[in-house]
């Protein structure tokens, strides 16, 4: 499954009410570290299909969601389980560190 584009319109259904953990990637087109992280997030989405959802939130298009999660720097990766934030990472991280965030939940 490809990453989901998360917006304020589908946030409740895809994230808050998800029975699976959700990894959210807060990013922007103009952000070089975000572009470096993008293929990693795509790989994780494929590898964790059926075990976790992976969503991308463009901070320029969804400022309300970025504010809700107090995102001040990007990329920011957040893991949400049962509607609650359980892990957060700011800045580019290697794949192993991001997948470790999912293993912990």
PDB file of N, CA and C in Angstrom:
ATOM      1  N   UNK A   1       0.842  -1.177   0.000  1.00  0.00           N
ATOM      2  CA  UNK A   1       0.000   0.000   0.000  1.00  0.00           C
ATOM      3  C   UNK A   1       0.888   1.241   0.000  1.00  0.00           C
ATOM      4  N   UNK A   2       0.553   2.157  -0.842  1.00  0.00           N
ATOM      5  CA  UNK A   2       1.295   3.417  -0.879  1.00  0.00           C
ATOM      6  C   UNK A   2       0.945   4.244   0.353  1.00  0.00           C
ATOM      7  N   UNK A   3       1.736   5.267   0.561  1.00  0.00           N
ATOM      8  CA  UNK A   3       1.432   6.158   1.669  1.00  0.00           C
ATOM      9  C   UNK A   3       0.101   6.839   1.409  1.00  0.00           C
ATOM     10  N   UNK A   4      -0.590   7.146   2.479  1.00  0.00           N
ATOM     11  CA  UNK A   4      -1.851   7.863   2.388  1.00  0.00           C
ATOM     12  C   UNK A   4      -1.572   9.356   2.471  1.00  0.00           C
ATOM     13  N   UNK A   5      -2.287  10.133   1.693  1.00  0.00           N
ATOM     14  CA  UNK A   5      -2.207  11.585   1.848  1.00  0.00           C
ATOM     15  C   UNK A   5      -3.206  11.951   2.942  1.00  0.00           C
ATOM     16  N   UNK A   6      -2.696  12.424   4.052  1.00  0.00           N
ATOM     17  CA  UNK A   6      -3.558  12.760   5.182  1.00  0.00           C
ATOM     18  C   UNK A   6      -3.890  14.253   5.120  1.00  0.00           C
ATOM     19  N   UNK A   7      -5.187  14.543   5.218  1.00  0.00           N
ATOM     20  CA  UNK A   7      -5.672  15.919   5.233  1.00  0.00           C
ATOM     21  C   UNK A   7      -6.589  16.088   6.441  1.00  0.00           C
ATOM     22  N   UNK A   8      -6.985  17.310   6.699  1.00  0.00           N
ATOM     23  CA  UNK A   8      -7.907  17.514   7.822  1.00  0.00           C
ATOM     24  C   UNK A   8      -9.232  16.803   7.566  1.00  0.00           C
ATOM     25  N   UNK A   9      -9.552  16.546   6.278  1.00  0.00           N
ATOM     26  CA  UNK A   9     -10.809  15.884   5.942  1.00  0.00           C
ATOM     27  C   UNK A   9     -10.804  14.382   6.231  1.00  0.00           C
ATOM     28  N   UNK A  10      -9.651  13.726   6.112  1.00  0.00           N
ATOM     29  CA  UNK A  10      -9.622  12.273   6.359  1.00  0.00           C
ATOM     30  C   UNK A  10      -8.844  11.906   7.634  1.00  0.00           C
ATOM     31  N   UNK A  11      -8.359  12.896   8.361  1.00  0.00           N
ATOM     32  CA  UNK A  11      -7.539  12.646   9.548  1.00  0.00           C
ATOM     33  C   UNK A  11      -8.263  11.788  10.583  1.00  0.00           C
ATOM     34  N   UNK A  12      -9.488  12.131  10.896  1.00  0.00           N
ATOM     35  CA  UNK A  12     -10.252  11.396  11.912  1.00  0.00           C
ATOM     36  C   UNK A  12     -10.376   9.918  11.527  1.00  0.00           C
ATOM     37  N   UNK A  13     -10.800   9.644  10.301  1.00  0.00           N
ATOM     38  CA  UNK A  13     -11.025   8.266   9.863  1.00  0.00           C
ATOM     39  C   UNK A  13      -9.727   7.487   9.718  1.00  0.00           C
ATOM     40  N   UNK A  14      -8.708   8.101   9.126  1.00  0.00           N
ATOM     41  CA  UNK A  14      -7.473   7.370   8.810  1.00  0.00           C
ATOM     42  C   UNK A  14      -6.492   7.278   9.983  1.00  0.00           C
ATOM     43  N   UNK A  15      -6.528   8.249  10.887  1.00  0.00           N
ATOM     44  CA  UNK A  15      -5.543   8.279  11.979  1.00  0.00           C
ATOM     45  C   UNK A  15      -6.195   8.010  13.329  1.00  0.00           C
ATOM     46  N   UNK A  16      -7.119   8.861  13.729  1.00  0.00           N
ATOM     47  CA  UNK A  16      -7.700   8.755  15.067  1.00  0.00           C
ATOM     48  C   UNK A  16      -8.435   7.435  15.263  1.00  0.00           C
ATOM     49  N   UNK A  17      -9.201   7.006  14.254  1.00  0.00           N
ATOM     50  CA  UNK A  17     -10.018   5.792  14.394  1.00  0.00           C
ATOM     51  C   UNK A  17      -9.328   4.545  13.836  1.00  0.00           C
ATOM     52  N   UNK A  18      -8.074   4.648  13.462  1.00  0.00           N
ATOM     53  CA  UNK A  18      -7.372   3.493  12.895  1.00  0.00           C
ATOM     54  C   UNK A  18      -7.136   2.424  13.954  1.00  0.00           C
ATOM     55  N   UNK A  19      -7.374   1.167  13.583  1.00  0.00           N
ATOM     56  CA  UNK A  19      -7.072   0.063  14.496  1.00  0.00           C
ATOM     57  C   UNK A  19      -5.595  -0.344  14.400  1.00  0.00           C
ATOM     58  N   UNK A  20      -4.897   0.186  13.393  1.00  0.00           N
ATOM     59  CA  UNK A  20      -3.465  -0.056  13.233  1.00  0.00           C
ATOM     60  C   UNK A  20      -2.687   1.173  13.704  1.00  0.00           C
ATOM     61  N   UNK A  21      -1.429   0.998  14.123  1.00  0.00           N
ATOM     62  CA  UNK A  21      -0.601   2.178  14.386  1.00  0.00           C
ATOM     63  C   UNK A  21      -0.433   2.965  13.083  1.00  0.00           C
ATOM     64  N   UNK A  22      -0.276   4.273  13.199  1.00  0.00           N
ATOM     65  CA  UNK A  22      -0.137   5.138  12.032  1.00  0.00           C
ATOM     66  C   UNK A  22       1.157   5.935  12.147  1.00  0.00           C
ATOM     67  N   UNK A  23       2.006   5.804  11.129  1.00  0.00           N
ATOM     68  CA  UNK A  23       3.224   6.596  11.054  1.00  0.00           C
ATOM     69  C   UNK A  23       2.927   7.800  10.162  1.00  0.00           C
ATOM     70  N   UNK A  24       3.112   8.994  10.698  1.00  0.00           N
ATOM     71  CA  UNK A  24       2.838  10.218   9.952  1.00  0.00           C
ATOM     72  C   UNK A  24       4.143  10.924   9.634  1.00  0.00           C
ATOM     73  N   UNK A  25       4.314  11.264   8.382  1.00  0.00           N
ATOM     74  CA  UNK A  25       5.488  12.004   7.917  1.00  0.00           C
ATOM     75  C   UNK A  25       5.053  13.424   7.592  1.00  0.00           C
ATOM     76  N   UNK A  26       5.488  14.383   8.418  1.00  0.00           N
ATOM     77  CA  UNK A  26       5.223  15.795   8.152  1.00  0.00           C
ATOM     78  C   UNK A  26       6.354  16.308   7.272  1.00  0.00           C
ATOM     79  N   UNK A  27       6.013  16.880   6.114  1.00  0.00           N
ATOM     80  CA  UNK A  27       7.011  17.229   5.117  1.00  0.00           C
ATOM     81  C   UNK A  27       6.568  18.451   4.321  1.00  0.00           C
ATOM     82  N   UNK A  28       7.461  18.925   3.444  1.00  0.00           N
ATOM     83  CA  UNK A  28       7.134  19.992   2.488  1.00  0.00           C
ATOM     84  C   UNK A  28       7.990  19.801   1.242  1.00  0.00           C
ATOM     85  N   UNK A  29       7.491  20.264   0.119  1.00  0.00           N
ATOM     86  CA  UNK A  29       8.171  20.122  -1.172  1.00  0.00           C
ATOM     87  C   UNK A  29       9.546  20.788  -1.159  1.00  0.00           C
ATOM     88  N   UNK A  30       9.659  21.913  -0.496  1.00  0.00           N
ATOM     89  CA  UNK A  30      10.885  22.717  -0.505  1.00  0.00           C
ATOM     90  C   UNK A  30      11.943  22.233   0.485  1.00  0.00           C
ATOM     91  N   UNK A  31      11.703  21.150   1.194  1.00  0.00           N
ATOM     92  CA  UNK A  31      12.570  20.677   2.281  1.00  0.00           C
ATOM     93  C   UNK A  31      13.498  19.553   1.793  1.00  0.00           C
ATOM     94  N   UNK A  32      14.811  19.832   1.614  1.00  0.00           N
ATOM     95  CA  UNK A  32      15.738  18.780   1.152  1.00  0.00           C
ATOM     96  C   UNK A  32      15.778  17.525   2.045  1.00  0.00           C
ATOM     97  N   UNK A  33      15.838  17.644   3.384  1.00  0.00           N
ATOM     98  CA  UNK A  33      15.826  16.412   4.190  1.00  0.00           C
ATOM     99  C   UNK A  33      14.525  15.617   4.026  1.00  0.00           C
ATOM    100  N   UNK A  34      13.431  16.326   3.767  1.00  0.00           N
ATOM    101  CA  UNK A  34      12.153  15.634   3.533  1.00  0.00           C
ATOM    102  C   UNK A  34      12.222  14.806   2.256  1.00  0.00           C
ATOM    103  N   UNK A  35      12.848  15.372   1.231  1.00  0.00           N
ATOM    104  CA  UNK A  35      12.996  14.639  -0.037  1.00  0.00           C
ATOM    105  C   UNK A  35      13.907  13.427   0.152  1.00  0.00           C
ATOM    106  N   UNK A  36      14.920  13.546   1.007  1.00  0.00           N
ATOM    107  CA  UNK A  36      15.799  12.403   1.290  1.00  0.00           C
ATOM    108  C   UNK A  36      15.036  11.305   2.028  1.00  0.00           C
ATOM    109  N   UNK A  37      14.120  11.704   2.899  1.00  0.00           N
ATOM    110  CA  UNK A  37      13.373  10.746   3.712  1.00  0.00           C
ATOM    111  C   UNK A  37      12.245  10.079   2.930  1.00  0.00           C
ATOM    112  N   UNK A  38      11.745  10.731   1.903  1.00  0.00           N
ATOM    113  CA  UNK A  38      10.576  10.240   1.173  1.00  0.00           C
ATOM    114  C   UNK A  38      10.687   8.789   0.689  1.00  0.00           C
ATOM    115  N   UNK A  39      11.809   8.371   0.045  1.00  0.00           N
ATOM    116  CA  UNK A  39      11.880   6.966  -0.384  1.00  0.00           C
ATOM    117  C   UNK A  39      11.918   5.988   0.794  1.00  0.00           C
ATOM    118  N   UNK A  40      12.457   6.423   1.913  1.00  0.00           N
ATOM    119  CA  UNK A  40      12.482   5.580   3.114  1.00  0.00           C
ATOM    120  C   UNK A  40      11.058   5.362   3.612  1.00  0.00           C
ATOM    121  N   UNK A  41      10.285   6.433   3.660  1.00  0.00           N
ATOM    122  CA  UNK A  41       8.889   6.339   4.104  1.00  0.00           C
ATOM    123  C   UNK A  41       8.098   5.440   3.153  1.00  0.00           C
ATOM    124  N   UNK A  42       8.369   5.556   1.862  1.00  0.00           N
ATOM    125  CA  UNK A  42       7.692   4.719   0.868  1.00  0.00           C
ATOM    126  C   UNK A  42       8.006   3.236   1.100  1.00  0.00           C
ATOM    127  N   UNK A  43       9.270   2.917   1.361  1.00  0.00           N
ATOM    128  CA  UNK A  43       9.662   1.523   1.654  1.00  0.00           C
ATOM    129  C   UNK A  43       8.949   1.004   2.889  1.00  0.00           C
ATOM    130  N   UNK A  44       8.893   1.824   3.924  1.00  0.00           N
ATOM    131  CA  UNK A  44       8.246   1.409   5.171  1.00  0.00           C
ATOM    132  C   UNK A  44       6.764   1.151   4.922  1.00  0.00           C
ATOM    133  N   UNK A  45       6.122   1.987   4.116  1.00  0.00           N
ATOM    134  CA  UNK A  45       4.702   1.795   3.799  1.00  0.00           C
ATOM    135  C   UNK A  45       4.476   0.434   3.159  1.00  0.00           C
ATOM    136  N   UNK A  46       5.358   0.035   2.251  1.00  0.00           N
ATOM    137  CA  UNK A  46       5.221  -1.266   1.597  1.00  0.00           C
ATOM    138  C   UNK A  46       5.505  -2.412   2.569  1.00  0.00           C
ATOM    139  N   UNK A  47       6.575  -2.285   3.348  1.00  0.00           N
ATOM    140  CA  UNK A  47       6.976  -3.366   4.254  1.00  0.00           C
ATOM    141  C   UNK A  47       5.989  -3.579   5.398  1.00  0.00           C
ATOM    142  N   UNK A  48       5.328  -2.522   5.832  1.00  0.00           N
ATOM    143  CA  UNK A  48       4.425  -2.618   6.982  1.00  0.00           C
ATOM    144  C   UNK A  48       2.959  -2.720   6.584  1.00  0.00           C
ATOM    145  N   UNK A  49       2.708  -2.960   5.307  1.00  0.00           N
ATOM    146  CA  UNK A  49       1.325  -3.097   4.845  1.00  0.00           C
ATOM    147  C   UNK A  49       0.602  -4.154   5.674  1.00  0.00           C
ATOM    148  N   UNK A  50      -0.581  -3.807   6.170  1.00  0.00           N
ATOM    149  CA  UNK A  50      -1.364  -4.712   6.994  1.00  0.00           C
ATOM    150  C   UNK A  50      -0.993  -4.663   8.465  1.00  0.00           C
ATOM    151  N   UNK A  51       0.167  -4.069   8.786  1.00  0.00           N
ATOM    152  CA  UNK A  51       0.596  -3.972  10.195  1.00  0.00           C
ATOM    153  C   UNK A  51       0.594  -2.541  10.703  1.00  0.00           C
ATOM    154  N   UNK A  52       0.674  -1.577   9.776  1.00  0.00           N
ATOM    155  CA  UNK A  52       0.662  -0.157  10.131  1.00  0.00           C
ATOM    156  C   UNK A  52       0.239   0.643   8.907  1.00  0.00           C
ATOM    157  N   UNK A  53      -0.324   1.804   9.164  1.00  0.00           N
ATOM    158  CA  UNK A  53      -0.613   2.744   8.084  1.00  0.00           C
ATOM    159  C   UNK A  53       0.521   3.758   8.047  1.00  0.00           C
ATOM    160  N   UNK A  54       0.800   4.261   6.866  1.00  0.00           N
ATOM    161  CA  UNK A  54       1.802   5.304   6.711  1.00  0.00           C
ATOM    162  C   UNK A  54       1.151   6.458   5.962  1.00  0.00           C
ATOM    163  N   UNK A  55       1.172   7.621   6.600  1.00  0.00           N
ATOM    164  CA  UNK A  55       0.552   8.791   6.008  1.00  0.00           C
ATOM    165  C   UNK A  55       1.532   9.932   5.864  1.00  0.00           C
ATOM    166  N   UNK A  56       1.313  10.753   4.850  1.00  0.00           N
ATOM    167  CA  UNK A  56       2.146  11.933   4.622  1.00  0.00           C
ATOM    168  C   UNK A  56       1.275  13.173   4.777  1.00  0.00           C
ATOM    169  N   UNK A  57       1.807  14.146   5.513  1.00  0.00           N
ATOM    170  CA  UNK A  57       1.093  15.394   5.735  1.00  0.00           C
ATOM    171  C   UNK A  57       1.974  16.536   5.252  1.00  0.00           C
ATOM    172  N   UNK A  58       1.524  17.206   4.198  1.00  0.00           N
ATOM    173  CA  UNK A  58       2.241  18.362   3.673  1.00  0.00           C
ATOM    174  C   UNK A  58       1.920  19.548   4.586  1.00  0.00           C
ATOM    175  N   UNK A  59       2.945  20.071   5.279  1.00  0.00           N
ATOM    176  CA  UNK A  59       2.709  21.126   6.269  1.00  0.00           C
ATOM    177  C   UNK A  59       2.221  22.423   5.630  1.00  0.00           C
ATOM    178  N   UNK A  60       2.541  22.657   4.359  1.00  0.00           N
ATOM    179  CA  UNK A  60       2.067  23.857   3.675  1.00  0.00           C
ATOM    180  C   UNK A  60       0.588  23.752   3.326  1.00  0.00           C
ATOM    181  N   UNK A  61       0.127  22.541   3.036  1.00  0.00           N
ATOM    182  CA  UNK A  61      -1.275  22.326   2.674  1.00  0.00           C
ATOM    183  C   UNK A  61      -2.155  22.079   3.891  1.00  0.00           C
ATOM    184  N   UNK A  62      -1.574  21.597   4.975  1.00  0.00           N
ATOM    185  CA  UNK A  62      -2.343  21.232   6.174  1.00  0.00           C
ATOM    186  C   UNK A  62      -1.744  21.882   7.434  1.00  0.00           C
ATOM    187  N   UNK A  63      -1.715  23.221   7.481  1.00  0.00           N
ATOM    188  CA  UNK A  63      -1.110  23.882   8.645  1.00  0.00           C
ATOM    189  C   UNK A  63      -1.825  23.567   9.963  1.00  0.00           C
ATOM    190  N   UNK A  64      -3.133  23.273   9.886  1.00  0.00           N
ATOM    191  CA  UNK A  64      -3.875  22.956  11.111  1.00  0.00           C
ATOM    192  C   UNK A  64      -3.370  21.652  11.730  1.00  0.00           C
ATOM    193  N   UNK A  65      -3.091  20.655  10.886  1.00  0.00           N
ATOM    194  CA  UNK A  65      -2.583  19.382  11.404  1.00  0.00           C
ATOM    195  C   UNK A  65      -1.167  19.552  11.945  1.00  0.00           C
ATOM    196  N   UNK A  66      -0.342  20.331  11.248  1.00  0.00           N
ATOM    197  CA  UNK A  66       1.012  20.592  11.743  1.00  0.00           C
ATOM    198  C   UNK A  66       0.946  21.280  13.106  1.00  0.00           C
ATOM    199  N   UNK A  67       0.044  22.220  13.258  1.00  0.00           N
ATOM    200  CA  UNK A  67      -0.108  22.913  14.539  1.00  0.00           C
ATOM    201  C   UNK A  67      -0.623  21.973  15.623  1.00  0.00           C
ATOM    202  N   UNK A  68      -1.544  21.081  15.263  1.00  0.00           N
ATOM    203  CA  UNK A  68      -2.096  20.135  16.239  1.00  0.00           C
ATOM    204  C   UNK A  68      -0.990  19.263  16.840  1.00  0.00           C
ATOM    205  N   UNK A  69       0.013  18.929  16.027  1.00  0.00           N
ATOM    206  CA  UNK A  69       1.115  18.099  16.493  1.00  0.00           C
ATOM    207  C   UNK A  69       2.334  18.937  16.906  1.00  0.00           C
ATOM    208  N   UNK A  70       2.174  20.263  16.948  1.00  0.00           N
ATOM    209  CA  UNK A  70       3.245  21.192  17.345  1.00  0.00           C
ATOM    210  C   UNK A  70       4.513  20.977  16.511  1.00  0.00           C
ATOM    211  N   UNK A  71       4.332  20.753  15.213  1.00  0.00           N
ATOM    212  CA  UNK A  71       5.465  20.552  14.320  1.00  0.00           C
ATOM    213  C   UNK A  71       6.131  21.900  14.064  1.00  0.00           C
ATOM    214  N   UNK A  72       7.380  22.024  14.485  1.00  0.00           N
ATOM    215  CA  UNK A  72       8.134  23.257  14.279  1.00  0.00           C
ATOM    216  C   UNK A  72       9.249  23.077  13.257  1.00  0.00           C
ATOM    217  N   UNK A  73       9.740  21.855  13.114  1.00  0.00           N
ATOM    218  CA  UNK A  73      10.798  21.541  12.146  1.00  0.00           C
ATOM    219  C   UNK A  73      10.381  20.310  11.361  1.00  0.00           C
ATOM    220  N   UNK A  74      10.825  20.270  10.099  1.00  0.00           N
ATOM    221  CA  UNK A  74      10.512  19.103   9.277  1.00  0.00           C
ATOM    222  C   UNK A  74      11.806  18.566   8.672  1.00  0.00           C
ATOM    223  N   UNK A  75      11.851  17.287   8.363  1.00  0.00           N
ATOM    224  CA  UNK A  75      10.772  16.320   8.540  1.00  0.00           C
ATOM    225  C   UNK A  75      10.559  15.973  10.016  1.00  0.00           C
ATOM    226  N   UNK A  76       9.303  15.770  10.351  1.00  0.00           N
ATOM    227  CA  UNK A  76       8.925  15.239  11.656  1.00  0.00           C
ATOM    228  C   UNK A  76       8.129  13.976  11.395  1.00  0.00           C
ATOM    229  N   UNK A  77       8.483  12.899  12.082  1.00  0.00           N
ATOM    230  CA  UNK A  77       7.769  11.633  11.962  1.00  0.00           C
ATOM    231  C   UNK A  77       7.122  11.348  13.313  1.00  0.00           C
ATOM    232  N   UNK A  78       5.838  11.039  13.277  1.00  0.00           N
ATOM    233  CA  UNK A  78       5.068  10.790  14.490  1.00  0.00           C
ATOM    234  C   UNK A  78       4.370   9.448  14.344  1.00  0.00           C
ATOM    235  N   UNK A  79       4.382   8.644  15.407  1.00  0.00           N
ATOM    236  CA  UNK A  79       3.620   7.399  15.412  1.00  0.00           C
ATOM    237  C   UNK A  79       2.436   7.586  16.356  1.00  0.00           C
ATOM    238  N   UNK A  80       1.244   7.289  15.821  1.00  0.00           N
ATOM    239  CA  UNK A  80       0.006   7.426  16.578  1.00  0.00           C
ATOM    240  C   UNK A  80      -0.608   6.037  16.728  1.00  0.00           C
ATOM    241  N   UNK A  81      -0.992   5.709  17.959  1.00  0.00           N
ATOM    242  CA  UNK A  81      -1.671   4.434  18.210  1.00  0.00           C
ATOM    243  C   UNK A  81      -2.881   4.719  19.081  1.00  0.00           C
ATOM    244  N   UNK A  82      -4.022   4.194  18.685  1.00  0.00           N
ATOM    245  CA  UNK A  82      -5.274   4.426  19.405  1.00  0.00           C
ATOM    246  C   UNK A  82      -5.536   5.918  19.600  1.00  0.00           C
ATOM    247  N   UNK A  83      -5.207   6.706  18.580  1.00  0.00           N
ATOM    248  CA  UNK A  83      -5.469   8.135  18.628  1.00  0.00           C
ATOM    249  C   UNK A  83      -4.495   8.953  19.457  1.00  0.00           C
ATOM    250  N   UNK A  84      -3.457   8.317  20.007  1.00  0.00           N
ATOM    251  CA  UNK A  84      -2.489   9.013  20.868  1.00  0.00           C
ATOM    252  C   UNK A  84      -1.082   8.937  20.268  1.00  0.00           C
ATOM    253  N   UNK A  85      -0.325  10.027  20.407  1.00  0.00           N
ATOM    254  CA  UNK A  85       1.067  10.048  19.952  1.00  0.00           C
ATOM    255  C   UNK A  85       1.890   9.168  20.884  1.00  0.00           C
ATOM    256  N   UNK A  86       2.604   8.196  20.302  1.00  0.00           N
ATOM    257  CA  UNK A  86       3.435   7.309  21.114  1.00  0.00           C
ATOM    258  C   UNK A  86       4.928   7.462  20.815  1.00  0.00           C
ATOM    259  N   UNK A  87       5.284   8.041  19.687  1.00  0.00           N
ATOM    260  CA  UNK A  87       6.684   8.270  19.319  1.00  0.00           C
ATOM    261  C   UNK A  87       6.776   9.464  18.389  1.00  0.00           C
ATOM    262  N   UNK A  88       7.870  10.212  18.527  1.00  0.00           N
ATOM    263  CA  UNK A  88       8.118  11.365  17.654  1.00  0.00           C
ATOM    264  C   UNK A  88       9.598  11.432  17.332  1.00  0.00           C
ATOM    265  N   UNK A  89       9.910  11.809  16.103  1.00  0.00           N
ATOM    266  CA  UNK A  89      11.292  11.993  15.667  1.00  0.00           C
ATOM    267  C   UNK A  89      11.352  13.229  14.782  1.00  0.00           C
ATOM    268  N   UNK A  90      12.356  14.075  15.012  1.00  0.00           N
ATOM    269  CA  UNK A  90      12.516  15.290  14.214  1.00  0.00           C
ATOM    270  C   UNK A  90      13.824  15.214  13.450  1.00  0.00           C
ATOM    271  N   UNK A  91      13.775  15.563  12.164  1.00  0.00           N
ATOM    272  CA  UNK A  91      14.965  15.532  11.321  1.00  0.00           C
ATOM    273  C   UNK A  91      15.085  14.206  10.586  1.00  0.00           C
ATOM    274  N   UNK A  92      15.997  14.184   9.616  1.00  0.00           N
ATOM    275  CA  UNK A  92      16.218  12.960   8.856  1.00  0.00           C
ATOM    276  C   UNK A  92      16.802  11.889   9.765  1.00  0.00           C
ATOM    277  N   UNK A  93      16.243  10.702   9.693  1.00  0.00           N
ATOM    278  CA  UNK A  93      16.758   9.546  10.425  1.00  0.00           C
ATOM    279  C   UNK A  93      16.837   8.373   9.459  1.00  0.00           C
ATOM    280  N   UNK A  94      17.795   7.463   9.674  1.00  0.00           N
ATOM    281  CA  UNK A  94      17.847   6.276   8.810  1.00  0.00           C
ATOM    282  C   UNK A  94      16.629   5.377   9.039  1.00  0.00           C
ATOM    283  N   UNK A  95      16.379   4.548   8.058  1.00  0.00           N
ATOM    284  CA  UNK A  95      15.214   3.664   8.070  1.00  0.00           C
ATOM    285  C   UNK A  95      15.116   2.853   9.363  1.00  0.00           C
ATOM    286  N   UNK A  96      16.250   2.338   9.839  1.00  0.00           N
ATOM    287  CA  UNK A  96      16.235   1.490  11.036  1.00  0.00           C
ATOM    288  C   UNK A  96      15.675   2.242  12.242  1.00  0.00           C
ATOM    289  N   UNK A  97      16.005   3.509  12.369  1.00  0.00           N
ATOM    290  CA  UNK A  97      15.506   4.289  13.508  1.00  0.00           C
ATOM    291  C   UNK A  97      14.009   4.558  13.384  1.00  0.00           C
ATOM    292  N   UNK A  98      13.544   4.730  12.164  1.00  0.00           N
ATOM    293  CA  UNK A  98      12.114   4.974  11.975  1.00  0.00           C
ATOM    294  C   UNK A  98      11.319   3.690  12.193  1.00  0.00           C
ATOM    295  N   UNK A  99      11.793   2.585  11.669  1.00  0.00           N
ATOM    296  CA  UNK A  99      11.064   1.327  11.887  1.00  0.00           C
ATOM    297  C   UNK A  99      11.096   0.927  13.351  1.00  0.00           C
ATOM    298  N   UNK A 100      12.140   1.291  14.070  1.00  0.00           N
ATOM    299  CA  UNK A 100      12.195   1.013  15.515  1.00  0.00           C
ATOM    300  C   UNK A 100      11.055   1.735  16.231  1.00  0.00           C
ATOM    301  N   UNK A 101      10.659   2.894  15.733  1.00  0.00           N
ATOM    302  CA  UNK A 101       9.538   3.615  16.336  1.00  0.00           C
ATOM    303  C   UNK A 101       8.247   2.813  16.229  1.00  0.00           C
ATOM    304  N   UNK A 102       8.108   2.056  15.155  1.00  0.00           N
ATOM    305  CA  UNK A 102       6.907   1.219  14.972  1.00  0.00           C
ATOM    306  C   UNK A 102       7.008  -0.070  15.792  1.00  0.00           C
ATOM    307  N   UNK A 103       8.196  -0.609  15.912  1.00  0.00           N
ATOM    308  CA  UNK A 103       8.361  -1.846  16.679  1.00  0.00           C
ATOM    309  C   UNK A 103       8.037  -1.639  18.155  1.00  0.00           C
ATOM    310  N   UNK A 104       8.213  -0.421  18.619  1.00  0.00           N
ATOM    311  CA  UNK A 104       7.973  -0.129  20.029  1.00  0.00           C
ATOM    312  C   UNK A 104       6.486  -0.085  20.388  1.00  0.00           C
ATOM    313  N   UNK A 105       5.609  -0.072  19.360  1.00  0.00           N
ATOM    314  CA  UNK A 105       4.171   0.060  19.679  1.00  0.00           C
ATOM    315  C   UNK A 105       3.423  -1.230  19.484  1.00  0.00           C
TER     316      UNK A 105
END
